[in-house]
Amino acid sequence: MSTLTKTLMMTLTLTLAGACDVEDADFGDGEVALRPGGGGFSGISLNTDFFTDGVGFHGMSVAEIDTKGNLHKGVDLYKVCLMGGEVCIFPGKDELYVKQGEIHAIKGGGMSFSGTDFANSEWYVQLDSDGDDKIDSYGVMVIQEAYIGMTATGIKYWNYMWLNDTSRAKGLITQKWEGKGGESIPVCKVDIDTGSLGSVALGNVTIDNSEFTHGDIDHRDDTLYIACHSGAVGKAPHVWNYVHHDLGDKAYETAVRVIRADYCNDGTSFTQEGQQLLTDDDKAYNSAYNPAEDTELLASWDKGIVCVNPKGLRLAKIEDVEEVCEVKYCDGSDTWWGAGLDLMTQAL
């Protein structure tokens, strides 16, 4: 039986989730949860990847990997081995890239790899684990599974389950693996919606996950972003039918903001896992609308969340939101088509 769960098809009622616990709301260069909103709720995590999670303190993020072999956000990928180690790809010398959510590689001699070729592939990384701009550690990540998924609207993307092989870690990072006994530990946390430990691959994007991020998704050449299903960036296709290579950077950013109830468009999440929601949009990715329910928010693919209804918020009180930003109010009966916008939600 697959370790990853099958992609969910969209139903009328969807449950939002994230893997950020209340105690995970710290911030730092390696923290992946965006700051929460007020009211004592934890927010939905942008991403949940950690290299050293589960050993008593927060680990470093490995979400963004430069596919040319350059040190980027503390991670330097220097080798990827496939076929049981018979073939190794060296970033910067060989080609490694993401196309439409699928990881590809071309060896110098012309051998090409994609899709399930990356199952059991080993990714060797050098790490700056303490943030002083010097390599101090070495680690190995393994893609245990690679399989194709499809949204309810027929858009294909790839799922990957990553593991940290602690038995092959060297250097400073080994202090963070004490007591793990050489286990292989999932890079992603469990998705509460699906039970998945998997992720999707985003190509050529960078997402700022530092303390003062605005939650922006920007273009960056030669980049693989590991987006866990248990965070909003990886949940967008896995549960919500919003696929990065179909939407593009800005519209995908809007989809993530909507999932996270980022009413201020600044990275602050005003919800938490387990909140139920209906969505409707102009591209028919989702078409759940109940005229008996109030609108929660209206959004534009180009501008993000445009207005919120104080009486229809998913979890927060409008006072929580106004402590962070000034917001434009929607009338509770507003719809995206009536307002000339692109997307709306209704909280249940």
C-alpha atoms as a PDB file:
ATOM      1  CA  MET A   1       0.000   0.000   0.000  1.00  0.00           C
ATOM      2  CA  SER A   2       1.317   3.444  -0.897  1.00  0.00           C
ATOM      3  CA  THR A   3       2.765   5.504   1.904  1.00  0.00           C
ATOM      4  CA  LEU A   4       1.260   8.558   0.285  1.00  0.00           C
ATOM      5  CA  THR A   5      -2.482   8.910   0.177  1.00  0.00           C
ATOM      6  CA  LYS A   6      -4.396   9.249  -3.069  1.00  0.00           C
ATOM      7  CA  THR A   7      -5.167  12.778  -4.189  1.00  0.00           C
ATOM      8  CA  LEU A   8      -8.530  13.906  -2.830  1.00  0.00           C
ATOM      9  CA  MET A   9     -11.275  14.917  -5.225  1.00  0.00           C
ATOM     10  CA  MET A  10     -13.075  18.154  -4.436  1.00  0.00           C
ATOM     11  CA  THR A  11     -16.312  17.734  -2.496  1.00  0.00           C
ATOM     12  CA  LEU A  12     -18.859  20.318  -1.471  1.00  0.00           C
ATOM     13  CA  THR A  13     -17.405  20.735   1.991  1.00  0.00           C
ATOM     14  CA  LEU A  14     -13.645  20.956   2.385  1.00  0.00           C
ATOM     15  CA  THR A  15     -11.638  20.878   5.562  1.00  0.00           C
ATOM     16  CA  LEU A  16      -8.706  23.254   5.760  1.00  0.00           C
ATOM     17  CA  ALA A  17      -5.680  21.983   7.583  1.00  0.00           C
ATOM     18  CA  GLY A  18      -2.051  22.764   8.273  1.00  0.00           C
ATOM     19  CA  ALA A  19       0.601  21.050  10.279  1.00  0.00           C
ATOM     20  CA  CYS A  20       1.658  24.002  12.379  1.00  0.00           C
ATOM     21  CA  ASP A  21       0.995  23.413  16.077  1.00  0.00           C
ATOM     22  CA  VAL A  22       0.667  26.317  18.463  1.00  0.00           C
ATOM     23  CA  GLU A  23       4.147  25.649  19.815  1.00  0.00           C
ATOM     24  CA  ASP A  24       5.516  25.833  16.269  1.00  0.00           C
ATOM     25  CA  ALA A  25       4.801  29.553  15.977  1.00  0.00           C
ATOM     26  CA  ASP A  26       8.401  30.611  16.626  1.00  0.00           C
ATOM     27  CA  PHE A  27      10.280  32.452  13.950  1.00  0.00           C
ATOM     28  CA  GLY A  28      13.791  32.299  12.583  1.00  0.00           C
ATOM     29  CA  ASP A  29      15.663  31.815   9.377  1.00  0.00           C
ATOM     30  CA  GLY A  30      14.719  28.135   9.310  1.00  0.00           C
ATOM     31  CA  GLU A  31      11.137  28.389  10.553  1.00  0.00           C
ATOM     32  CA  VAL A  32       8.478  27.452   8.032  1.00  0.00           C
ATOM     33  CA  ALA A  33       5.276  28.537   9.791  1.00  0.00           C
ATOM     34  CA  LEU A  34       4.218  32.094   9.086  1.00  0.00           C
ATOM     35  CA  ARG A  35       3.326  34.213  12.065  1.00  0.00           C
ATOM     36  CA  PRO A  36      -0.211  33.540  13.346  1.00  0.00           C
ATOM     37  CA  GLY A  37      -3.002  36.039  13.643  1.00  0.00           C
ATOM     38  CA  GLY A  38      -4.461  37.187  16.951  1.00  0.00           C
ATOM     39  CA  GLY A  39      -7.088  35.492  19.086  1.00  0.00           C
ATOM     40  CA  GLY A  40      -4.916  32.596  20.252  1.00  0.00           C
ATOM     41  CA  PHE A  41      -5.192  30.489  17.088  1.00  0.00           C
ATOM     42  CA  SER A  42      -2.154  29.010  15.434  1.00  0.00           C
ATOM     43  CA  GLY A  43      -2.614  29.748  11.747  1.00  0.00           C
ATOM     44  CA  ILE A  44      -2.170  27.362   8.832  1.00  0.00           C
ATOM     45  CA  SER A  45       1.459  26.671   8.003  1.00  0.00           C
ATOM     46  CA  LEU A  46       2.901  27.829   4.710  1.00  0.00           C
ATOM     47  CA  ASN A  47       5.050  24.689   4.587  1.00  0.00           C
ATOM     48  CA  THR A  48       6.068  21.981   7.067  1.00  0.00           C
ATOM     49  CA  ASP A  49       9.423  20.722   5.860  1.00  0.00           C
ATOM     50  CA  PHE A  50      12.233  20.294   8.387  1.00  0.00           C
ATOM     51  CA  PHE A  51      15.596  18.620   8.147  1.00  0.00           C
ATOM     52  CA  THR A  52      15.897  18.022  11.869  1.00  0.00           C
ATOM     53  CA  ASP A  53      12.344  18.062  13.208  1.00  0.00           C
ATOM     54  CA  GLY A  54      11.360  15.759  16.047  1.00  0.00           C
ATOM     55  CA  VAL A  55      14.578  15.989  18.073  1.00  0.00           C
ATOM     56  CA  GLY A  56      13.538  18.501  20.677  1.00  0.00           C
ATOM     57  CA  PHE A  57      13.752  21.786  18.759  1.00  0.00           C
ATOM     58  CA  HIS A  58      12.961  23.284  15.398  1.00  0.00           C
ATOM     59  CA  GLY A  59      15.054  22.124  12.482  1.00  0.00           C
ATOM     60  CA  MET A  60      16.345  23.895   9.424  1.00  0.00           C
ATOM     61  CA  SER A  61      14.194  24.190   6.350  1.00  0.00           C
ATOM     62  CA  VAL A  62      15.170  22.297   3.209  1.00  0.00           C
ATOM     63  CA  ALA A  63      12.289  23.556   1.110  1.00  0.00           C
ATOM     64  CA  GLU A  64      14.278  25.452  -1.525  1.00  0.00           C
ATOM     65  CA  ILE A  65      17.072  23.765  -3.436  1.00  0.00           C
ATOM     66  CA  ASP A  66      19.185  25.457  -6.088  1.00  0.00           C
ATOM     67  CA  THR A  67      19.382  22.984  -8.985  1.00  0.00           C
ATOM     68  CA  LYS A  68      22.696  24.412 -10.219  1.00  0.00           C
ATOM     69  CA  GLY A  69      24.483  23.383  -7.031  1.00  0.00           C
ATOM     70  CA  ASN A  70      24.736  26.818  -5.414  1.00  0.00           C
ATOM     71  CA  LEU A  71      24.365  27.397  -1.693  1.00  0.00           C
ATOM     72  CA  HIS A  72      20.849  28.741  -1.174  1.00  0.00           C
ATOM     73  CA  LYS A  73      19.089  29.263   2.166  1.00  0.00           C
ATOM     74  CA  GLY A  74      21.652  27.100   3.909  1.00  0.00           C
ATOM     75  CA  VAL A  75      21.394  24.155   1.481  1.00  0.00           C
ATOM     76  CA  ASP A  76      23.864  23.146  -1.234  1.00  0.00           C
ATOM     77  CA  LEU A  77      22.869  20.149  -3.355  1.00  0.00           C
ATOM     78  CA  TYR A  78      25.985  18.555  -4.800  1.00  0.00           C
ATOM     79  CA  LYS A  79      24.853  15.134  -6.047  1.00  0.00           C
ATOM     80  CA  VAL A  80      21.707  13.150  -6.907  1.00  0.00           C
ATOM     81  CA  CYS A  81      22.113   9.409  -7.434  1.00  0.00           C
ATOM     82  CA  LEU A  82      19.566   7.194  -9.225  1.00  0.00           C
ATOM     83  CA  MET A  83      19.277   3.533 -10.249  1.00  0.00           C
ATOM     84  CA  GLY A  84      20.726   2.281  -6.994  1.00  0.00           C
ATOM     85  CA  GLY A  85      23.697   4.614  -7.302  1.00  0.00           C
ATOM     86  CA  GLU A  86      24.655   3.535 -10.827  1.00  0.00           C
ATOM     87  CA  VAL A  87      24.051   7.043 -12.214  1.00  0.00           C
ATOM     88  CA  CYS A  88      24.704  10.303 -10.389  1.00  0.00           C
ATOM     89  CA  ILE A  89      23.646  13.781 -11.464  1.00  0.00           C
ATOM     90  CA  PHE A  90      25.974  16.630 -10.497  1.00  0.00           C
ATOM     91  CA  PRO A  91      24.138  19.989 -10.367  1.00  0.00           C
ATOM     92  CA  GLY A  92      25.962  22.650 -12.334  1.00  0.00           C
ATOM     93  CA  LYS A  93      27.502  20.013 -14.592  1.00  0.00           C
ATOM     94  CA  ASP A  94      24.424  17.968 -15.475  1.00  0.00           C
ATOM     95  CA  GLU A  95      20.897  19.314 -15.928  1.00  0.00           C
ATOM     96  CA  LEU A  96      18.384  19.132 -13.071  1.00  0.00           C
ATOM     97  CA  TYR A  97      15.079  20.976 -13.245  1.00  0.00           C
ATOM     98  CA  VAL A  98      11.331  20.933 -12.545  1.00  0.00           C
ATOM     99  CA  LYS A  99       8.843  21.068 -15.410  1.00  0.00           C
ATOM    100  CA  GLN A 100       5.097  21.153 -14.741  1.00  0.00           C
ATOM    101  CA  GLY A 101       5.630  19.829 -11.252  1.00  0.00           C
ATOM    102  CA  GLU A 102       7.833  16.919 -12.369  1.00  0.00           C
ATOM    103  CA  ILE A 103      11.522  16.565 -11.515  1.00  0.00           C
ATOM    104  CA  HIS A 104      13.782  15.952 -14.551  1.00  0.00           C
ATOM    105  CA  ALA A 105      17.485  15.337 -15.026  1.00  0.00           C
ATOM    106  CA  ILE A 106      19.763  14.947 -18.045  1.00  0.00           C
ATOM    107  CA  LYS A 107      23.172  13.357 -17.611  1.00  0.00           C
ATOM    108  CA  GLY A 108      26.000  14.904 -19.598  1.00  0.00           C
ATOM    109  CA  GLY A 109      26.081  11.974 -22.006  1.00  0.00           C
ATOM    110  CA  GLY A 110      22.405  12.400 -22.853  1.00  0.00           C
ATOM    111  CA  MET A 111      20.687   9.986 -20.452  1.00  0.00           C
ATOM    112  CA  SER A 112      17.427  11.538 -19.269  1.00  0.00           C
ATOM    113  CA  PHE A 113      15.381  10.815 -16.140  1.00  0.00           C
ATOM    114  CA  SER A 114      11.934  11.884 -14.945  1.00  0.00           C
ATOM    115  CA  GLY A 115       8.832  10.700 -13.139  1.00  0.00           C
ATOM    116  CA  THR A 116       9.203   7.415 -11.289  1.00  0.00           C
ATOM    117  CA  ASP A 117      12.918   7.311 -12.181  1.00  0.00           C
ATOM    118  CA  PHE A 118      13.363   9.415  -9.055  1.00  0.00           C
ATOM    119  CA  ALA A 119      11.812   6.861  -6.714  1.00  0.00           C
ATOM    120  CA  ASN A 120      14.571   5.822  -4.260  1.00  0.00           C
ATOM    121  CA  SER A 121      16.875   8.534  -5.576  1.00  0.00           C
ATOM    122  CA  GLU A 122      19.401   9.892  -3.073  1.00  0.00           C
ATOM    123  CA  TRP A 123      20.028  13.628  -2.723  1.00  0.00           C
ATOM    124  CA  TYR A 124      23.336  14.596  -1.133  1.00  0.00           C
ATOM    125  CA  VAL A 125      23.419  18.024   0.480  1.00  0.00           C
ATOM    126  CA  GLN A 126      25.948  20.221   2.218  1.00  0.00           C
ATOM    127  CA  LEU A 127      24.437  22.399   4.923  1.00  0.00           C
ATOM    128  CA  ASP A 128      25.035  25.631   6.735  1.00  0.00           C
ATOM    129  CA  SER A 129      23.021  24.489   9.739  1.00  0.00           C
ATOM    130  CA  ASP A 130      23.910  27.351  12.085  1.00  0.00           C
ATOM    131  CA  GLY A 131      23.428  30.192   9.613  1.00  0.00           C
ATOM    132  CA  ASP A 132      26.981  31.560   9.574  1.00  0.00           C
ATOM    133  CA  ASP A 133      27.388  31.172   5.798  1.00  0.00           C
ATOM    134  CA  LYS A 134      29.833  28.280   6.203  1.00  0.00           C
ATOM    135  CA  ILE A 135      29.223  24.627   5.359  1.00  0.00           C
ATOM    136  CA  ASP A 136      29.269  22.647   8.594  1.00  0.00           C
ATOM    137  CA  SER A 137      27.262  19.503   7.844  1.00  0.00           C
ATOM    138  CA  TYR A 138      26.391  16.856   5.292  1.00  0.00           C
ATOM    139  CA  GLY A 139      23.161  14.940   4.846  1.00  0.00           C
ATOM    140  CA  VAL A 140      21.274  12.615   2.542  1.00  0.00           C
ATOM    141  CA  MET A 141      17.608  12.884   1.594  1.00  0.00           C
ATOM    142  CA  VAL A 142      15.817  10.089  -0.234  1.00  0.00           C
ATOM    143  CA  ILE A 143      12.718  10.320  -2.428  1.00  0.00           C
ATOM    144  CA  GLN A 144      11.005   7.161  -1.224  1.00  0.00           C
ATOM    145  CA  GLU A 145       8.064   7.478  -3.605  1.00  0.00           C
ATOM    146  CA  ALA A 146       7.270   9.395  -6.786  1.00  0.00           C
ATOM    147  CA  TYR A 147       3.839   9.134  -8.330  1.00  0.00           C
ATOM    148  CA  ILE A 148       1.531  11.196 -10.486  1.00  0.00           C
ATOM    149  CA  GLY A 149      -1.579  12.888  -9.168  1.00  0.00           C
ATOM    150  CA  MET A 150      -4.488  14.605 -10.848  1.00  0.00           C
ATOM    151  CA  THR A 151      -6.920  17.251  -9.674  1.00  0.00           C
ATOM    152  CA  ALA A 152     -10.678  16.914 -10.025  1.00  0.00           C
ATOM    153  CA  THR A 153     -10.377  19.207 -13.030  1.00  0.00           C
ATOM    154  CA  GLY A 154      -7.874  16.915 -14.782  1.00  0.00           C
ATOM    155  CA  ILE A 155      -4.634  18.801 -14.185  1.00  0.00           C
ATOM    156  CA  LYS A 156      -1.652  16.495 -13.619  1.00  0.00           C
ATOM    157  CA  TYR A 157       1.132  17.036 -11.108  1.00  0.00           C
ATOM    158  CA  TRP A 158       3.665  14.866  -9.274  1.00  0.00           C
ATOM    159  CA  ASN A 159       3.842  13.785  -5.645  1.00  0.00           C
ATOM    160  CA  TYR A 160       7.103  12.992  -3.868  1.00  0.00           C
ATOM    161  CA  MET A 161       7.724  11.559  -0.416  1.00  0.00           C
ATOM    162  CA  TRP A 162      11.072  12.642   1.033  1.00  0.00           C
ATOM    163  CA  LEU A 163      12.953  11.054   3.931  1.00  0.00           C
ATOM    164  CA  ASN A 164      15.994  12.219   5.899  1.00  0.00           C
ATOM    165  CA  ASP A 165      18.516   9.388   6.281  1.00  0.00           C
ATOM    166  CA  THR A 166      19.956  10.284   9.671  1.00  0.00           C
ATOM    167  CA  SER A 167      22.462   7.409   9.554  1.00  0.00           C
ATOM    168  CA  ARG A 168      24.471   9.239   6.889  1.00  0.00           C
ATOM    169  CA  ALA A 169      24.481  12.688   8.441  1.00  0.00           C
ATOM    170  CA  LYS A 170      27.873  14.189   9.261  1.00  0.00           C
ATOM    171  CA  GLY A 171      29.116  17.317  10.976  1.00  0.00           C
ATOM    172  CA  LEU A 172      27.277  19.739  13.224  1.00  0.00           C
ATOM    173  CA  ILE A 173      23.881  18.473  12.138  1.00  0.00           C
ATOM    174  CA  THR A 174      24.506  15.120  13.856  1.00  0.00           C
ATOM    175  CA  GLN A 175      24.053  16.819  17.225  1.00  0.00           C
ATOM    176  CA  LYS A 176      20.450  17.371  16.244  1.00  0.00           C
ATOM    177  CA  TRP A 177      19.938  13.690  15.462  1.00  0.00           C
ATOM    178  CA  GLU A 178      21.020  12.394  18.870  1.00  0.00           C
ATOM    179  CA  GLY A 179      18.851   9.524  20.045  1.00  0.00           C
ATOM    180  CA  LYS A 180      17.304   8.890  16.623  1.00  0.00           C
ATOM    181  CA  GLY A 181      19.223   5.628  16.094  1.00  0.00           C
ATOM    182  CA  GLY A 182      19.885   6.118  12.400  1.00  0.00           C
ATOM    183  CA  GLU A 183      16.215   6.327  11.492  1.00  0.00           C
ATOM    184  CA  SER A 184      14.869   7.619   8.221  1.00  0.00           C
ATOM    185  CA  ILE A 185      12.551  10.468   9.163  1.00  0.00           C
ATOM    186  CA  PRO A 186       9.980  12.104   6.846  1.00  0.00           C
ATOM    187  CA  VAL A 187      10.862  15.589   5.708  1.00  0.00           C
ATOM    188  CA  CYS A 188       7.186  16.629   5.834  1.00  0.00           C
ATOM    189  CA  LYS A 189       4.760  16.484   8.704  1.00  0.00           C
ATOM    190  CA  VAL A 190       1.562  14.453   8.376  1.00  0.00           C
ATOM    191  CA  ASP A 191      -1.289  16.142   6.538  1.00  0.00           C
ATOM    192  CA  ILE A 192      -4.295  16.054   8.845  1.00  0.00           C
ATOM    193  CA  ASP A 193      -6.690  15.982   5.872  1.00  0.00           C
ATOM    194  CA  THR A 194      -5.237  12.989   4.067  1.00  0.00           C
ATOM    195  CA  GLY A 195      -2.631  11.335   6.291  1.00  0.00           C
ATOM    196  CA  SER A 196      -0.023  12.046   3.622  1.00  0.00           C
ATOM    197  CA  LEU A 197       3.663  12.609   4.346  1.00  0.00           C
ATOM    198  CA  GLY A 198       4.236  13.647   0.756  1.00  0.00           C
ATOM    199  CA  SER A 199       4.841  16.842  -1.153  1.00  0.00           C
ATOM    200  CA  VAL A 200       4.605  18.432  -4.569  1.00  0.00           C
ATOM    201  CA  ALA A 201       7.505  19.956  -6.490  1.00  0.00           C
ATOM    202  CA  LEU A 202       7.299  23.593  -7.534  1.00  0.00           C
ATOM    203  CA  GLY A 203       9.654  24.808 -10.218  1.00  0.00           C
ATOM    204  CA  ASN A 204      11.525  28.131 -10.220  1.00  0.00           C
ATOM    205  CA  VAL A 205       9.905  29.787  -7.217  1.00  0.00           C
ATOM    206  CA  THR A 206      11.174  31.232  -3.970  1.00  0.00           C
ATOM    207  CA  ILE A 207       8.978  31.755  -0.928  1.00  0.00           C
ATOM    208  CA  ASP A 208      10.190  33.919   1.941  1.00  0.00           C
ATOM    209  CA  ASN A 209       9.468  32.082   5.208  1.00  0.00           C
ATOM    210  CA  SER A 210      11.330  34.413   7.550  1.00  0.00           C
ATOM    211  CA  GLU A 211       9.704  36.349  10.387  1.00  0.00           C
ATOM    212  CA  PHE A 212       8.749  39.376   8.354  1.00  0.00           C
ATOM    213  CA  THR A 213       7.600  37.630   5.188  1.00  0.00           C
ATOM    214  CA  HIS A 214       4.589  38.867   3.314  1.00  0.00           C
ATOM    215  CA  GLY A 215       3.881  35.374   2.013  1.00  0.00           C
ATOM    216  CA  ASP A 216       4.958  36.352  -1.494  1.00  0.00           C
ATOM    217  CA  ILE A 217       5.678  33.682  -4.106  1.00  0.00           C
ATOM    218  CA  ASP A 218       8.293  34.976  -6.526  1.00  0.00           C
ATOM    219  CA  HIS A 219      10.120  33.615  -9.558  1.00  0.00           C
ATOM    220  CA  ARG A 220      13.634  32.265  -9.049  1.00  0.00           C
ATOM    221  CA  ASP A 221      15.458  30.451 -11.818  1.00  0.00           C
ATOM    222  CA  ASP A 222      16.929  26.989 -11.247  1.00  0.00           C
ATOM    223  CA  THR A 223      15.010  26.223  -8.061  1.00  0.00           C
ATOM    224  CA  LEU A 224      13.151  23.187  -6.727  1.00  0.00           C
ATOM    225  CA  TYR A 225      10.678  23.971  -3.956  1.00  0.00           C
ATOM    226  CA  ILE A 226       9.520  21.008  -1.857  1.00  0.00           C
ATOM    227  CA  ALA A 227       5.941  21.898  -0.862  1.00  0.00           C
ATOM    228  CA  CYS A 228       4.520  19.527   1.755  1.00  0.00           C
ATOM    229  CA  HIS A 229       0.902  18.415   1.476  1.00  0.00           C
ATOM    230  CA  SER A 230       0.527  19.367   5.145  1.00  0.00           C
ATOM    231  CA  GLY A 231       1.266  23.041   4.451  1.00  0.00           C
ATOM    232  CA  ALA A 232      -0.793  25.458   2.388  1.00  0.00           C
ATOM    233  CA  VAL A 233       1.684  25.617  -0.513  1.00  0.00           C
ATOM    234  CA  GLY A 234       1.506  21.841  -1.037  1.00  0.00           C
ATOM    235  CA  LYS A 235      -2.143  21.533  -0.061  1.00  0.00           C
ATOM    236  CA  ALA A 236      -3.217  23.879  -2.852  1.00  0.00           C
ATOM    237  CA  PRO A 237      -3.081  21.161  -5.575  1.00  0.00           C
ATOM    238  CA  HIS A 238      -3.422  18.125  -3.326  1.00  0.00           C
ATOM    239  CA  VAL A 239      -6.787  19.135  -1.874  1.00  0.00           C
ATOM    240  CA  TRP A 240      -7.885  22.337  -3.575  1.00  0.00           C
ATOM    241  CA  ASN A 241      -7.180  21.717  -7.304  1.00  0.00           C
ATOM    242  CA  TYR A 242      -4.906  24.779  -7.544  1.00  0.00           C
ATOM    243  CA  VAL A 243      -1.734  23.777  -9.419  1.00  0.00           C
ATOM    244  CA  HIS A 244       1.256  26.102  -9.669  1.00  0.00           C
ATOM    245  CA  HIS A 245       2.298  25.299 -13.229  1.00  0.00           C
ATOM    246  CA  ASP A 246      -1.286  25.885 -14.346  1.00  0.00           C
ATOM    247  CA  LEU A 247      -1.965  29.117 -12.452  1.00  0.00           C
ATOM    248  CA  GLY A 248       1.417  30.853 -12.419  1.00  0.00           C
ATOM    249  CA  ASP A 249       3.171  32.524  -9.497  1.00  0.00           C
ATOM    250  CA  LYS A 250       0.778  35.356  -8.605  1.00  0.00           C
ATOM    251  CA  ALA A 251      -2.479  33.419  -8.883  1.00  0.00           C
ATOM    252  CA  TYR A 252      -0.948  30.529  -6.953  1.00  0.00           C
ATOM    253  CA  GLU A 253       0.076  32.999  -4.260  1.00  0.00           C
ATOM    254  CA  THR A 254      -3.557  34.138  -4.075  1.00  0.00           C
ATOM    255  CA  ALA A 255      -4.760  30.540  -3.743  1.00  0.00           C
ATOM    256  CA  VAL A 256      -2.353  30.009  -0.838  1.00  0.00           C
ATOM    257  CA  ARG A 257      -3.502  33.240   0.819  1.00  0.00           C
ATOM    258  CA  VAL A 258      -7.119  32.088   0.575  1.00  0.00           C
ATOM    259  CA  ILE A 259      -6.291  28.671   2.043  1.00  0.00           C
ATOM    260  CA  ARG A 260      -4.498  30.354   4.956  1.00  0.00           C
ATOM    261  CA  ALA A 261      -7.158  33.069   5.504  1.00  0.00           C
ATOM    262  CA  ASP A 262      -4.421  35.636   4.903  1.00  0.00           C
ATOM    263  CA  TYR A 263      -6.935  38.485   4.954  1.00  0.00           C
ATOM    264  CA  CYS A 264      -4.247  41.201   5.051  1.00  0.00           C
ATOM    265  CA  ASN A 265      -2.212  39.766   2.134  1.00  0.00           C
ATOM    266  CA  ASP A 266       0.841  40.016   4.370  1.00  0.00           C
ATOM    267  CA  GLY A 267       1.481  36.430   5.445  1.00  0.00           C
ATOM    268  CA  THR A 268      -0.627  36.457   8.626  1.00  0.00           C
ATOM    269  CA  SER A 269      -2.904  33.413   8.838  1.00  0.00           C
ATOM    270  CA  PHE A 270      -6.227  33.991  10.598  1.00  0.00           C
ATOM    271  CA  THR A 271      -7.365  30.398  10.863  1.00  0.00           C
ATOM    272  CA  GLN A 272      -6.158  27.011  11.995  1.00  0.00           C
ATOM    273  CA  GLU A 273      -6.508  23.382  11.008  1.00  0.00           C
ATOM    274  CA  GLY A 274      -9.943  21.794  10.954  1.00  0.00           C
ATOM    275  CA  GLN A 275     -11.930  24.782   9.694  1.00  0.00           C
ATOM    276  CA  GLN A 276     -14.559  23.970   7.069  1.00  0.00           C
ATOM    277  CA  LEU A 277     -14.943  26.042   3.947  1.00  0.00           C
ATOM    278  CA  LEU A 278     -16.705  26.287   0.593  1.00  0.00           C
ATOM    279  CA  THR A 279     -14.921  27.814  -2.408  1.00  0.00           C
ATOM    280  CA  ASP A 280     -16.038  29.006  -5.823  1.00  0.00           C
ATOM    281  CA  ASP A 281     -13.899  30.506  -8.591  1.00  0.00           C
ATOM    282  CA  ASP A 282     -14.096  31.706 -12.169  1.00  0.00           C
ATOM    283  CA  LYS A 283     -11.898  28.910 -13.516  1.00  0.00           C
ATOM    284  CA  ALA A 284     -14.212  26.171 -12.176  1.00  0.00           C
ATOM    285  CA  TYR A 285     -11.407  24.575 -10.163  1.00  0.00           C
ATOM    286  CA  ASN A 286     -13.970  24.640  -7.360  1.00  0.00           C
ATOM    287  CA  SER A 287     -17.687  25.321  -7.659  1.00  0.00           C
ATOM    288  CA  ALA A 288     -19.033  24.991  -4.131  1.00  0.00           C
ATOM    289  CA  TYR A 289     -21.486  27.786  -3.311  1.00  0.00           C
ATOM    290  CA  ASN A 290     -24.393  27.865  -0.882  1.00  0.00           C
ATOM    291  CA  PRO A 291     -26.716  30.882  -1.236  1.00  0.00           C
ATOM    292  CA  ALA A 292     -27.825  30.349   2.364  1.00  0.00           C
ATOM    293  CA  GLU A 293     -24.293  31.037   3.664  1.00  0.00           C
ATOM    294  CA  ASP A 294     -22.511  34.380   4.049  1.00  0.00           C
ATOM    295  CA  THR A 295     -19.507  35.212   1.933  1.00  0.00           C
ATOM    296  CA  GLU A 296     -16.246  35.021   3.882  1.00  0.00           C
ATOM    297  CA  LEU A 297     -13.953  36.748   1.380  1.00  0.00           C
ATOM    298  CA  LEU A 298     -13.610  37.806  -2.238  1.00  0.00           C
ATOM    299  CA  ALA A 299     -10.297  37.594  -4.074  1.00  0.00           C
ATOM    300  CA  SER A 300      -8.630  38.428  -7.370  1.00  0.00           C
ATOM    301  CA  TRP A 301      -6.027  36.172  -8.947  1.00  0.00           C
ATOM    302  CA  ASP A 302      -3.896  39.269  -9.598  1.00  0.00           C
ATOM    303  CA  LYS A 303      -4.475  41.198  -6.354  1.00  0.00           C
ATOM    304  CA  GLY A 304      -5.007  38.583  -3.665  1.00  0.00           C
ATOM    305  CA  ILE A 305      -7.784  38.910  -1.084  1.00  0.00           C
ATOM    306  CA  VAL A 306      -9.811  42.046  -1.868  1.00  0.00           C
ATOM    307  CA  CYS A 307     -12.421  42.178   0.909  1.00  0.00           C
ATOM    308  CA  VAL A 308     -13.728  40.227   3.898  1.00  0.00           C
ATOM    309  CA  ASN A 309     -17.126  39.959   5.540  1.00  0.00           C
ATOM    310  CA  PRO A 310     -16.886  40.608   9.306  1.00  0.00           C
ATOM    311  CA  LYS A 311     -19.789  38.213   9.944  1.00  0.00           C
ATOM    312  CA  GLY A 312     -18.438  35.416   7.730  1.00  0.00           C
ATOM    313  CA  LEU A 313     -14.861  34.954   8.932  1.00  0.00           C
ATOM    314  CA  ARG A 314     -13.642  31.393   9.225  1.00  0.00           C
ATOM    315  CA  LEU A 315     -12.405  31.627  12.777  1.00  0.00           C
ATOM    316  CA  ALA A 316     -11.057  35.051  13.686  1.00  0.00           C
ATOM    317  CA  LYS A 317     -12.983  38.044  14.915  1.00  0.00           C
ATOM    318  CA  ILE A 318     -12.774  41.156  12.782  1.00  0.00           C
ATOM    319  CA  GLU A 319     -10.994  42.869  15.697  1.00  0.00           C
ATOM    320  CA  ASP A 320      -8.164  40.329  15.335  1.00  0.00           C
ATOM    321  CA  VAL A 321      -7.744  41.305  11.701  1.00  0.00           C
ATOM    322  CA  GLU A 322      -7.940  45.038  12.288  1.00  0.00           C
ATOM    323  CA  GLU A 323      -5.086  44.774  14.777  1.00  0.00           C
ATOM    324  CA  VAL A 324      -2.903  43.743  11.838  1.00  0.00           C
ATOM    325  CA  CYS A 325      -4.259  45.797   8.939  1.00  0.00           C
ATOM    326  CA  GLU A 326      -7.098  47.893   7.618  1.00  0.00           C
ATOM    327  CA  VAL A 327      -9.423  45.740   5.522  1.00  0.00           C
ATOM    328  CA  LYS A 328     -12.141  46.443   3.025  1.00  0.00           C
ATOM    329  CA  TYR A 329     -15.485  44.935   3.979  1.00  0.00           C
ATOM    330  CA  CYS A 330     -17.588  42.730   1.712  1.00  0.00           C
ATOM    331  CA  ASP A 331     -21.342  42.614   2.047  1.00  0.00           C
ATOM    332  CA  GLY A 332     -22.277  39.149   3.275  1.00  0.00           C
ATOM    333  CA  SER A 333     -24.244  38.461   0.110  1.00  0.00           C
ATOM    334  CA  ASP A 334     -21.447  39.445  -2.303  1.00  0.00           C
ATOM    335  CA  THR A 335     -20.260  36.878  -4.848  1.00  0.00           C
ATOM    336  CA  TRP A 336     -17.185  36.911  -7.066  1.00  0.00           C
ATOM    337  CA  TRP A 337     -19.263  37.148 -10.231  1.00  0.00           C
ATOM    338  CA  GLY A 338     -21.354  40.009  -8.842  1.00  0.00           C
ATOM    339  CA  ALA A 339     -18.236  41.931  -7.847  1.00  0.00           C
ATOM    340  CA  GLY A 340     -16.299  41.203 -11.041  1.00  0.00           C
ATOM    341  CA  LEU A 341     -13.639  39.267  -9.137  1.00  0.00           C
ATOM    342  CA  ASP A 342     -12.302  35.727  -9.441  1.00  0.00           C
ATOM    343  CA  LEU A 343     -12.741  33.711  -6.269  1.00  0.00           C
ATOM    344  CA  MET A 344     -14.861  33.574  -3.117  1.00  0.00           C
ATOM    345  CA  THR A 345     -15.169  31.503   0.021  1.00  0.00           C
ATOM    346  CA  GLN A 346     -17.869  30.729   2.563  1.00  0.00           C
ATOM    347  CA  ALA A 347     -17.074  29.478   6.046  1.00  0.00           C
ATOM    348  CA  LEU A 348     -19.249  26.749   7.549  1.00  0.00           C
END
